[in-house]
Amino acid sequence: MHVLLRQRIGILLMILFMPVNSPLWKMGFDELDFDLGLSGFDFFASSLVLFIAGAVMTFTPKTKFG
């Protein structure tokens, strides 16, 4: 089965930004002393948005324009 680059990137986004991984990302940024300026909920919400974007990229069918 042929997997498009868009779908591969979508799968990667879904794995990296699963809502369960949000605290892990937050702890990693805290350990690096890198402040994103986001509260816990804001960070979770942005992680969820990236996860949903990955799902859309993965599960939408190939389209032709024109």
N, C-alpha and C. Protein backbone atom coordinates (compact mmCIF):
# COMPACT_ATOMS: atom_id res chain seq x y z
N MET A 1 0.84 -1.18 0.00
CA MET A 1 0.00 0.00 0.00
C MET A 1 0.89 1.25 0.00
N HIS A 2 0.52 2.20 -0.80
CA HIS A 2 1.29 3.42 -0.97
C HIS A 2 0.86 4.45 0.08
N VAL A 3 1.82 4.92 0.87
CA VAL A 3 1.54 5.91 1.90
C VAL A 3 2.17 7.23 1.47
N LEU A 4 1.35 8.27 1.42
CA LEU A 4 1.83 9.58 1.02
C LEU A 4 2.69 10.22 2.11
N LEU A 5 3.54 11.15 1.70
CA LEU A 5 4.38 11.87 2.65
C LEU A 5 3.51 12.62 3.65
N ARG A 6 2.40 13.17 3.20
CA ARG A 6 1.47 13.88 4.08
C ARG A 6 0.96 12.95 5.17
N GLN A 7 0.66 11.70 4.82
CA GLN A 7 0.17 10.76 5.81
C GLN A 7 1.28 10.36 6.79
N ARG A 8 2.49 10.25 6.32
CA ARG A 8 3.61 9.91 7.21
C ARG A 8 3.86 11.02 8.22
N ILE A 9 3.79 12.26 7.75
CA ILE A 9 3.96 13.40 8.66
C ILE A 9 2.81 13.44 9.65
N GLY A 10 1.60 13.12 9.19
CA GLY A 10 0.44 13.08 10.08
C GLY A 10 0.59 12.03 11.16
N ILE A 11 1.09 10.86 10.80
CA ILE A 11 1.31 9.80 11.79
C ILE A 11 2.35 10.23 12.81
N LEU A 12 3.41 10.87 12.33
CA LEU A 12 4.45 11.37 13.24
C LEU A 12 3.88 12.41 14.21
N LEU A 13 3.06 13.32 13.70
CA LEU A 13 2.44 14.31 14.57
C LEU A 13 1.54 13.66 15.61
N MET A 14 0.79 12.63 15.18
CA MET A 14 -0.10 11.96 16.11
C MET A 14 0.67 11.24 17.21
N ILE A 15 1.80 10.64 16.88
CA ILE A 15 2.59 9.93 17.88
C ILE A 15 3.25 10.92 18.84
N LEU A 16 3.84 11.98 18.29
CA LEU A 16 4.56 12.93 19.14
C LEU A 16 3.64 13.75 20.04
N PHE A 17 2.47 14.11 19.54
CA PHE A 17 1.61 15.03 20.28
C PHE A 17 0.34 14.38 20.79
N MET A 18 0.42 13.10 21.15
CA MET A 18 -0.70 12.47 21.83
C MET A 18 -0.97 13.24 23.11
N PRO A 19 -2.23 13.42 23.48
CA PRO A 19 -2.51 14.17 24.71
C PRO A 19 -1.82 13.59 25.95
N VAL A 20 -1.55 12.31 25.94
CA VAL A 20 -0.87 11.68 27.07
C VAL A 20 0.57 12.17 27.17
N ASN A 21 1.19 12.54 26.04
CA ASN A 21 2.57 12.98 26.04
C ASN A 21 2.74 14.45 26.42
N SER A 22 1.67 15.17 26.60
CA SER A 22 1.76 16.60 26.92
C SER A 22 2.57 16.87 28.19
N PRO A 23 2.35 16.16 29.29
CA PRO A 23 3.19 16.41 30.48
C PRO A 23 4.66 16.09 30.24
N LEU A 24 4.93 15.11 29.41
CA LEU A 24 6.32 14.76 29.10
C LEU A 24 7.00 15.89 28.34
N TRP A 25 6.32 16.48 27.37
CA TRP A 25 6.86 17.62 26.64
C TRP A 25 7.09 18.80 27.59
N LYS A 26 6.12 19.04 28.47
CA LYS A 26 6.22 20.16 29.42
C LYS A 26 7.42 19.96 30.34
N MET A 27 7.61 18.74 30.85
CA MET A 27 8.77 18.47 31.72
C MET A 27 10.08 18.62 30.96
N GLY A 28 10.10 18.19 29.71
CA GLY A 28 11.31 18.33 28.90
C GLY A 28 11.70 19.78 28.68
N PHE A 29 10.71 20.62 28.37
CA PHE A 29 10.99 22.04 28.19
C PHE A 29 11.42 22.69 29.51
N ASP A 30 10.83 22.25 30.62
CA ASP A 30 11.23 22.78 31.93
C ASP A 30 12.67 22.39 32.26
N GLU A 31 13.07 21.18 31.93
CA GLU A 31 14.44 20.72 32.19
C GLU A 31 15.46 21.50 31.36
N LEU A 32 15.07 21.91 30.17
CA LEU A 32 15.96 22.69 29.30
C LEU A 32 15.92 24.17 29.63
N ASP A 33 15.14 24.55 30.66
CA ASP A 33 14.94 25.96 31.04
C ASP A 33 14.44 26.80 29.87
N PHE A 34 13.55 26.23 29.09
CA PHE A 34 12.96 26.91 27.94
C PHE A 34 11.51 27.20 28.28
N ASP A 35 11.19 28.46 28.51
CA ASP A 35 9.84 28.85 28.90
C ASP A 35 9.03 29.19 27.64
N LEU A 36 7.96 28.46 27.44
CA LEU A 36 7.09 28.72 26.29
C LEU A 36 6.05 29.80 26.58
N GLY A 37 5.87 30.13 27.83
CA GLY A 37 4.89 31.14 28.20
C GLY A 37 3.47 30.62 28.15
N LEU A 38 3.30 29.32 28.24
CA LEU A 38 1.97 28.72 28.19
C LEU A 38 1.65 28.08 29.53
N SER A 39 0.39 28.18 29.93
CA SER A 39 -0.03 27.49 31.14
C SER A 39 -0.19 26.01 30.82
N GLY A 40 -0.47 25.22 31.82
CA GLY A 40 -0.63 23.79 31.62
C GLY A 40 -1.77 23.47 30.65
N PHE A 41 -2.89 24.19 30.83
CA PHE A 41 -4.04 23.95 29.94
C PHE A 41 -3.75 24.41 28.52
N ASP A 42 -3.09 25.56 28.38
CA ASP A 42 -2.75 26.06 27.04
C ASP A 42 -1.81 25.10 26.32
N PHE A 43 -0.86 24.56 27.04
CA PHE A 43 0.07 23.61 26.45
C PHE A 43 -0.67 22.34 26.03
N PHE A 44 -1.59 21.87 26.87
CA PHE A 44 -2.40 20.70 26.54
C PHE A 44 -3.27 20.97 25.31
N ALA A 45 -3.87 22.15 25.26
CA ALA A 45 -4.74 22.50 24.13
C ALA A 45 -3.94 22.57 22.82
N SER A 46 -2.76 23.15 22.86
CA SER A 46 -1.95 23.23 21.64
C SER A 46 -1.48 21.84 21.21
N SER A 47 -1.18 20.99 22.17
CA SER A 47 -0.81 19.61 21.86
C SER A 47 -1.98 18.87 21.21
N LEU A 48 -3.17 19.12 21.72
CA LEU A 48 -4.37 18.49 21.17
C LEU A 48 -4.64 18.97 19.74
N VAL A 49 -4.42 20.26 19.49
CA VAL A 49 -4.61 20.80 18.14
C VAL A 49 -3.63 20.16 17.16
N LEU A 50 -2.38 20.00 17.56
CA LEU A 50 -1.39 19.35 16.69
C LEU A 50 -1.74 17.88 16.46
N PHE A 51 -2.26 17.22 17.48
CA PHE A 51 -2.69 15.83 17.33
C PHE A 51 -3.83 15.71 16.32
N ILE A 52 -4.80 16.60 16.43
CA ILE A 52 -5.95 16.58 15.50
C ILE A 52 -5.49 16.93 14.09
N ALA A 53 -4.55 17.86 13.95
CA ALA A 53 -4.02 18.19 12.63
C ALA A 53 -3.34 16.97 12.02
N GLY A 54 -2.62 16.21 12.83
CA GLY A 54 -1.99 14.98 12.35
C GLY A 54 -3.03 13.96 11.93
N ALA A 55 -4.12 13.86 12.67
CA ALA A 55 -5.19 12.92 12.32
C ALA A 55 -5.84 13.31 11.00
N VAL A 56 -6.06 14.60 10.80
CA VAL A 56 -6.64 15.06 9.54
C VAL A 56 -5.70 14.75 8.38
N MET A 57 -4.41 15.00 8.59
CA MET A 57 -3.43 14.72 7.53
C MET A 57 -3.36 13.22 7.22
N THR A 58 -3.54 12.40 8.22
CA THR A 58 -3.42 10.95 8.03
C THR A 58 -4.65 10.35 7.38
N PHE A 59 -5.83 10.74 7.82
CA PHE A 59 -7.04 10.04 7.42
C PHE A 59 -7.85 10.67 6.30
N THR A 60 -7.45 11.85 5.81
CA THR A 60 -8.18 12.41 4.67
C THR A 60 -7.71 11.75 3.39
N PRO A 61 -8.62 11.51 2.46
CA PRO A 61 -8.22 10.84 1.22
C PRO A 61 -7.42 11.75 0.30
N LYS A 62 -6.72 11.14 -0.62
CA LYS A 62 -5.96 11.89 -1.62
C LYS A 62 -6.94 12.61 -2.53
N THR A 63 -6.71 13.88 -2.77
CA THR A 63 -7.60 14.66 -3.62
C THR A 63 -6.86 15.17 -4.83
N LYS A 64 -7.61 15.37 -5.90
CA LYS A 64 -7.05 15.95 -7.12
C LYS A 64 -7.72 17.29 -7.36
N PHE A 65 -6.91 18.26 -7.73
CA PHE A 65 -7.44 19.57 -8.06
C PHE A 65 -7.35 19.78 -9.57
N GLY A 66 -8.50 20.04 -10.16
CA GLY A 66 -8.52 20.34 -11.59
C GLY A 66 -8.85 19.23 -12.43
